[in-house]
Amino acid sequence: MLPKIDLTTFFLSVSQAAMQSMDSASRDLEIAKHNIDLLELMHEKTHGNRSTEEDQLLNHLLFQLRMTFVSAEKESKGGASHGK
């Protein structure tokens, strides 16, 4: 049986989809970025309407996803970005 859909479940579901898209075996950074953007949109549009727990979860998920995305992007490019 699937859990009841609420903001927490939605945030976790989108986050999981983003993380799976960044998995090295099935990497699709375009899909990952799309899911991160979706969570950022939800962050903006639900501001002031989230519980403290939902707010903390969403902020944590966005931080983790952004850090993972940057690492995955560097790895995909072979870490060859040496700026001058």
C-alpha atoms as a PDB file:
ATOM      1  CA  MET A   1       0.000   0.000   0.000  1.00  0.00           C
ATOM      2  CA  LEU A   2       1.345   3.405  -0.970  1.00  0.00           C
ATOM      3  CA  PRO A   3       1.649   6.073   1.720  1.00  0.00           C
ATOM      4  CA  LYS A   4      -0.790   8.976   1.822  1.00  0.00           C
ATOM      5  CA  ILE A   5       0.467  11.878  -0.276  1.00  0.00           C
ATOM      6  CA  ASP A   6       1.349  14.947   1.740  1.00  0.00           C
ATOM      7  CA  LEU A   7       4.102  17.545   1.350  1.00  0.00           C
ATOM      8  CA  THR A   8       6.675  15.414   3.158  1.00  0.00           C
ATOM      9  CA  THR A   9       5.962  12.396   0.966  1.00  0.00           C
ATOM     10  CA  PHE A  10       6.029  14.578  -2.153  1.00  0.00           C
ATOM     11  CA  PHE A  11       9.353  16.192  -1.204  1.00  0.00           C
ATOM     12  CA  LEU A  12      10.895  12.795  -0.448  1.00  0.00           C
ATOM     13  CA  SER A  13       9.579  11.278  -3.673  1.00  0.00           C
ATOM     14  CA  VAL A  14      10.969  14.051  -5.885  1.00  0.00           C
ATOM     15  CA  SER A  15      14.236  13.987  -3.960  1.00  0.00           C
ATOM     16  CA  GLN A  16      14.568  10.240  -4.433  1.00  0.00           C
ATOM     17  CA  ALA A  17      13.940  10.610  -8.169  1.00  0.00           C
ATOM     18  CA  ALA A  18      16.657  13.269  -8.356  1.00  0.00           C
ATOM     19  CA  MET A  19      19.122  11.095  -6.438  1.00  0.00           C
ATOM     20  CA  GLN A  20      18.411   8.099  -8.670  1.00  0.00           C
ATOM     21  CA  SER A  21      19.062  10.281 -11.719  1.00  0.00           C
ATOM     22  CA  MET A  22      22.487  11.122 -10.318  1.00  0.00           C
ATOM     23  CA  ASP A  23      23.403   7.483  -9.654  1.00  0.00           C
ATOM     24  CA  SER A  24      26.581   6.697 -11.573  1.00  0.00           C
ATOM     25  CA  ALA A  25      25.028   3.620 -13.206  1.00  0.00           C
ATOM     26  CA  SER A  26      22.085   5.515 -14.698  1.00  0.00           C
ATOM     27  CA  ARG A  27      23.288   9.109 -14.673  1.00  0.00           C
ATOM     28  CA  ASP A  28      20.949  11.648 -16.259  1.00  0.00           C
ATOM     29  CA  LEU A  29      21.851  15.048 -14.884  1.00  0.00           C
ATOM     30  CA  GLU A  30      19.185  16.786 -16.953  1.00  0.00           C
ATOM     31  CA  ILE A  31      16.453  14.812 -15.167  1.00  0.00           C
ATOM     32  CA  ALA A  32      18.176  15.366 -11.818  1.00  0.00           C
ATOM     33  CA  LYS A  33      18.296  19.126 -12.428  1.00  0.00           C
ATOM     34  CA  HIS A  34      14.625  19.099 -13.435  1.00  0.00           C
ATOM     35  CA  ASN A  35      13.677  17.426 -10.130  1.00  0.00           C
ATOM     36  CA  ILE A  36      15.858  19.810  -8.111  1.00  0.00           C
ATOM     37  CA  ASP A  37      14.221  22.727  -9.918  1.00  0.00           C
ATOM     38  CA  LEU A  38      10.806  21.260  -9.046  1.00  0.00           C
ATOM     39  CA  LEU A  39      11.725  21.171  -5.352  1.00  0.00           C
ATOM     40  CA  GLU A  40      13.046  24.745  -5.585  1.00  0.00           C
ATOM     41  CA  LEU A  41       9.721  25.801  -7.123  1.00  0.00           C
ATOM     42  CA  MET A  42       7.863  24.088  -4.279  1.00  0.00           C
ATOM     43  CA  HIS A  43      10.175  25.812  -1.794  1.00  0.00           C
ATOM     44  CA  GLU A  44       9.218  29.171  -3.264  1.00  0.00           C
ATOM     45  CA  LYS A  45       5.495  28.520  -3.773  1.00  0.00           C
ATOM     46  CA  THR A  46       4.822  26.906  -0.387  1.00  0.00           C
ATOM     47  CA  HIS A  47       6.769  29.498   1.639  1.00  0.00           C
ATOM     48  CA  GLY A  48       4.816  30.363   4.760  1.00  0.00           C
ATOM     49  CA  ASN A  49       2.545  27.347   4.350  1.00  0.00           C
ATOM     50  CA  ARG A  50       4.908  24.591   5.522  1.00  0.00           C
ATOM     51  CA  SER A  51       5.213  23.204   9.024  1.00  0.00           C
ATOM     52  CA  THR A  52       8.555  23.572  10.773  1.00  0.00           C
ATOM     53  CA  GLU A  53       9.316  19.911  10.037  1.00  0.00           C
ATOM     54  CA  GLU A  54       8.419  20.275   6.347  1.00  0.00           C
ATOM     55  CA  ASP A  55      10.545  23.415   6.115  1.00  0.00           C
ATOM     56  CA  GLN A  56      13.557  21.736   7.709  1.00  0.00           C
ATOM     57  CA  LEU A  57      13.173  18.653   5.522  1.00  0.00           C
ATOM     58  CA  LEU A  58      12.882  20.652   2.298  1.00  0.00           C
ATOM     59  CA  ASN A  59      15.892  22.821   3.153  1.00  0.00           C
ATOM     60  CA  HIS A  60      17.934  19.723   4.019  1.00  0.00           C
ATOM     61  CA  LEU A  61      16.907  17.882   0.838  1.00  0.00           C
ATOM     62  CA  LEU A  62      17.711  20.863  -1.365  1.00  0.00           C
ATOM     63  CA  PHE A  63      21.135  21.289   0.253  1.00  0.00           C
ATOM     64  CA  GLN A  64      21.978  17.589  -0.150  1.00  0.00           C
ATOM     65  CA  LEU A  65      20.713  17.445  -3.738  1.00  0.00           C
ATOM     66  CA  ARG A  66      22.624  20.554  -4.769  1.00  0.00           C
ATOM     67  CA  MET A  67      25.858  19.224  -3.279  1.00  0.00           C
ATOM     68  CA  THR A  68      25.360  15.823  -4.890  1.00  0.00           C
ATOM     69  CA  PHE A  69      24.535  17.456  -8.228  1.00  0.00           C
ATOM     70  CA  VAL A  70      27.729  19.528  -8.192  1.00  0.00           C
ATOM     71  CA  SER A  71      29.778  16.399  -7.414  1.00  0.00           C
ATOM     72  CA  ALA A  72      28.027  14.365 -10.115  1.00  0.00           C
ATOM     73  CA  GLU A  73      28.537  17.153 -12.633  1.00  0.00           C
ATOM     74  CA  LYS A  74      32.264  17.336 -11.829  1.00  0.00           C
ATOM     75  CA  GLU A  75      32.548  13.559 -12.064  1.00  0.00           C
ATOM     76  CA  SER A  76      30.759  13.532 -15.431  1.00  0.00           C
ATOM     77  CA  LYS A  77      33.220  16.083 -16.755  1.00  0.00           C
ATOM     78  CA  GLY A  78      36.099  14.015 -15.445  1.00  0.00           C
ATOM     79  CA  GLY A  79      37.021  16.655 -12.895  1.00  0.00           C
ATOM     80  CA  ALA A  80      38.791  18.516 -15.698  1.00  0.00           C
ATOM     81  CA  SER A  81      37.563  21.989 -14.839  1.00  0.00           C
ATOM     82  CA  HIS A  82      40.721  23.852 -13.901  1.00  0.00           C
ATOM     83  CA  GLY A  83      39.813  27.532 -14.085  1.00  0.00           C
ATOM     84  CA  LYS A  84      42.377  30.221 -14.813  1.00  0.00           C
END
